[in-house]
């Protein structure tokens, strides 16, 4: 295989590949994401991968020696966000399935409405709806 060499002053080009989460019960976390957010679970030896909104989330079983996630606010990864259409309808549907909201849907600024879900094992998930005029 021949690799082309990048010119020394060329800008770095990156694309997202995955988010990696260490969890106590990968199967239970995967089931929650499948049921609540429509993720697709892909079972591989030793872990479960999810496809959510076209992106990969790797779930690896955390050893019992892992410390729990710190409470908010803290440094490091706080949450991840997914875009939805009709956020109020989505929130109502998720509530009917038993999802708990840390923050109800609200307008954070013109053209952007957000809410925060309490996912399994303390995973914080933002759902958001952007008005195309404000992108």
Protein backbone atom coordinates (compact mmCIF):
# COMPACT_ATOMS: atom_id res chain seq x y z
CA UNK A 1 0.00 0.00 0.00
CA UNK A 2 1.38 3.39 -0.98
CA UNK A 3 0.60 6.34 1.26
CA UNK A 4 0.62 9.84 -0.13
CA UNK A 5 2.66 12.23 1.94
CA UNK A 6 0.85 15.26 3.34
CA UNK A 7 2.56 18.55 2.48
CA UNK A 8 4.19 20.02 5.61
CA UNK A 9 1.96 23.13 5.77
CA UNK A 10 -1.30 21.44 4.78
CA UNK A 11 -4.22 21.95 7.17
CA UNK A 12 -5.17 18.99 9.29
CA UNK A 13 -8.37 17.33 8.12
CA UNK A 14 -10.27 15.18 10.62
CA UNK A 15 -13.62 13.44 10.67
CA UNK A 16 -15.48 12.00 13.67
CA UNK A 17 -15.07 8.27 14.10
CA UNK A 18 -16.61 7.37 17.47
CA UNK A 19 -17.34 8.17 21.11
CA UNK A 20 -16.15 5.56 23.60
CA UNK A 21 -18.08 5.05 26.84
CA UNK A 22 -17.04 2.82 29.74
CA UNK A 23 -20.17 1.44 31.40
CA UNK A 24 -21.07 -1.15 34.02
CA UNK A 25 -23.53 -3.07 31.83
CA UNK A 26 -23.01 -2.59 28.08
CA UNK A 27 -26.00 -4.75 27.13
CA UNK A 28 -28.39 -2.78 29.37
CA UNK A 29 -27.02 0.56 28.15
CA UNK A 30 -27.32 -0.60 24.52
CA UNK A 31 -30.90 -1.72 25.11
CA UNK A 32 -31.76 1.71 26.54
CA UNK A 33 -30.30 3.48 23.51
CA UNK A 34 -32.14 1.11 21.16
CA UNK A 35 -35.49 1.52 22.92
CA UNK A 36 -35.34 5.22 23.74
CA UNK A 37 -33.33 6.76 20.88
CA UNK A 38 -33.59 4.20 18.07
CA UNK A 39 -29.90 3.27 18.06
CA UNK A 40 -28.73 0.10 16.33
CA UNK A 41 -26.66 -2.25 18.53
CA UNK A 42 -23.77 -4.15 16.97
CA UNK A 43 -22.47 -6.89 19.26
CA UNK A 44 -18.76 -7.65 19.01
CA UNK A 45 -16.56 -9.76 21.31
CA UNK A 46 -16.12 -7.94 24.61
CA UNK A 47 -18.28 -4.92 23.87
CA UNK A 48 -21.36 -3.53 22.22
CA UNK A 49 -21.17 -0.81 19.59
CA UNK A 50 -24.06 1.49 18.80
CA UNK A 51 -24.93 3.38 15.66
CA UNK A 52 -26.84 6.51 16.67
CA UNK A 53 -27.68 9.12 14.07
CA UNK A 54 -25.03 7.65 11.79
CA UNK A 55 -22.30 7.92 14.44
CA UNK A 56 -20.59 5.14 16.39
CA UNK A 57 -20.66 4.83 20.15
CA UNK A 58 -18.47 2.10 21.61
CA UNK A 59 -19.63 0.62 24.93
CA UNK A 60 -16.92 -1.18 26.87
CA UNK A 61 -17.57 -2.89 30.19
CA UNK A 62 -15.80 -0.90 32.87
CA UNK A 63 -13.96 -2.87 35.54
CA UNK A 64 -15.32 -2.64 39.08
CA UNK A 65 -12.24 -0.59 39.99
CA UNK A 66 -13.40 2.33 37.81
CA UNK A 67 -14.54 5.40 39.71
CA UNK A 68 -18.04 6.72 38.99
CA UNK A 69 -18.37 9.81 36.82
CA UNK A 70 -18.13 13.07 38.75
CA UNK A 71 -21.27 15.08 39.26
CA UNK A 72 -21.90 18.11 37.09
CA UNK A 73 -20.18 20.52 36.67
CA UNK A 74 -16.75 19.01 36.06
CA UNK A 75 -13.96 19.13 33.51
CA UNK A 76 -13.85 16.73 30.61
CA UNK A 77 -16.69 15.30 28.58
CA UNK A 78 -19.97 16.58 30.00
CA UNK A 79 -22.53 15.31 27.49
CA UNK A 80 -23.15 14.64 23.84
CA UNK A 81 -25.92 16.15 21.77
CA UNK A 82 -28.17 14.79 19.05
CA UNK A 83 -30.36 16.81 16.71
CA UNK A 84 -34.06 16.09 16.46
CA UNK A 85 -37.03 17.58 14.66
CA UNK A 86 -40.05 18.66 16.72
CA UNK A 87 -38.24 18.56 20.06
CA UNK A 88 -41.39 19.00 22.14
CA UNK A 89 -43.02 15.98 20.50
CA UNK A 90 -39.81 13.97 20.94
CA UNK A 91 -39.62 14.97 24.60
CA UNK A 92 -43.23 13.93 25.18
CA UNK A 93 -42.63 10.57 23.49
CA UNK A 94 -39.50 9.94 25.56
CA UNK A 95 -41.30 10.88 28.77
CA UNK A 96 -44.06 8.41 27.90
CA UNK A 97 -41.33 5.72 27.75
CA UNK A 98 -40.09 6.71 31.21
CA UNK A 99 -37.09 8.86 30.28
CA UNK A 100 -36.18 11.40 32.95
CA UNK A 101 -35.25 14.92 31.89
CA UNK A 102 -32.58 16.86 33.77
CA UNK A 103 -33.67 19.96 31.83
CA UNK A 104 -36.99 20.37 30.05
CA UNK A 105 -37.01 21.77 26.48
CA UNK A 106 -36.35 25.50 26.39
CA UNK A 107 -35.06 28.16 23.99
CA UNK A 108 -31.41 28.81 24.80
CA UNK A 109 -31.23 31.51 22.09
CA UNK A 110 -33.18 32.38 18.93
CA UNK A 111 -33.38 29.35 16.67
CA UNK A 112 -32.08 26.83 19.20
CA UNK A 113 -34.24 24.76 21.55
CA UNK A 114 -32.55 22.19 23.82
CA UNK A 115 -33.24 19.69 26.60
CA UNK A 116 -31.11 17.26 28.61
CA UNK A 117 -31.98 13.62 29.24
CA UNK A 118 -30.71 11.46 32.06
CA UNK A 119 -29.40 8.43 30.20
CA UNK A 120 -28.38 5.11 31.73
CA UNK A 121 -25.47 5.05 34.20
CA UNK A 122 -25.36 8.83 34.48
CA UNK A 123 -24.82 9.50 30.76
CA UNK A 124 -26.00 13.04 29.98
CA UNK A 125 -27.60 13.46 26.55
CA UNK A 126 -28.70 16.71 24.97
CA UNK A 127 -31.45 16.75 22.38
CA UNK A 128 -31.66 19.89 20.31
CA UNK A 129 -33.61 21.41 17.49
CA UNK A 130 -32.03 24.12 15.33
CA UNK A 131 -33.99 26.48 13.15
CA UNK A 132 -32.30 26.37 9.72
CA UNK A 133 -32.27 30.18 9.60
CA UNK A 134 -29.85 30.31 12.56
CA UNK A 135 -27.31 27.63 11.64
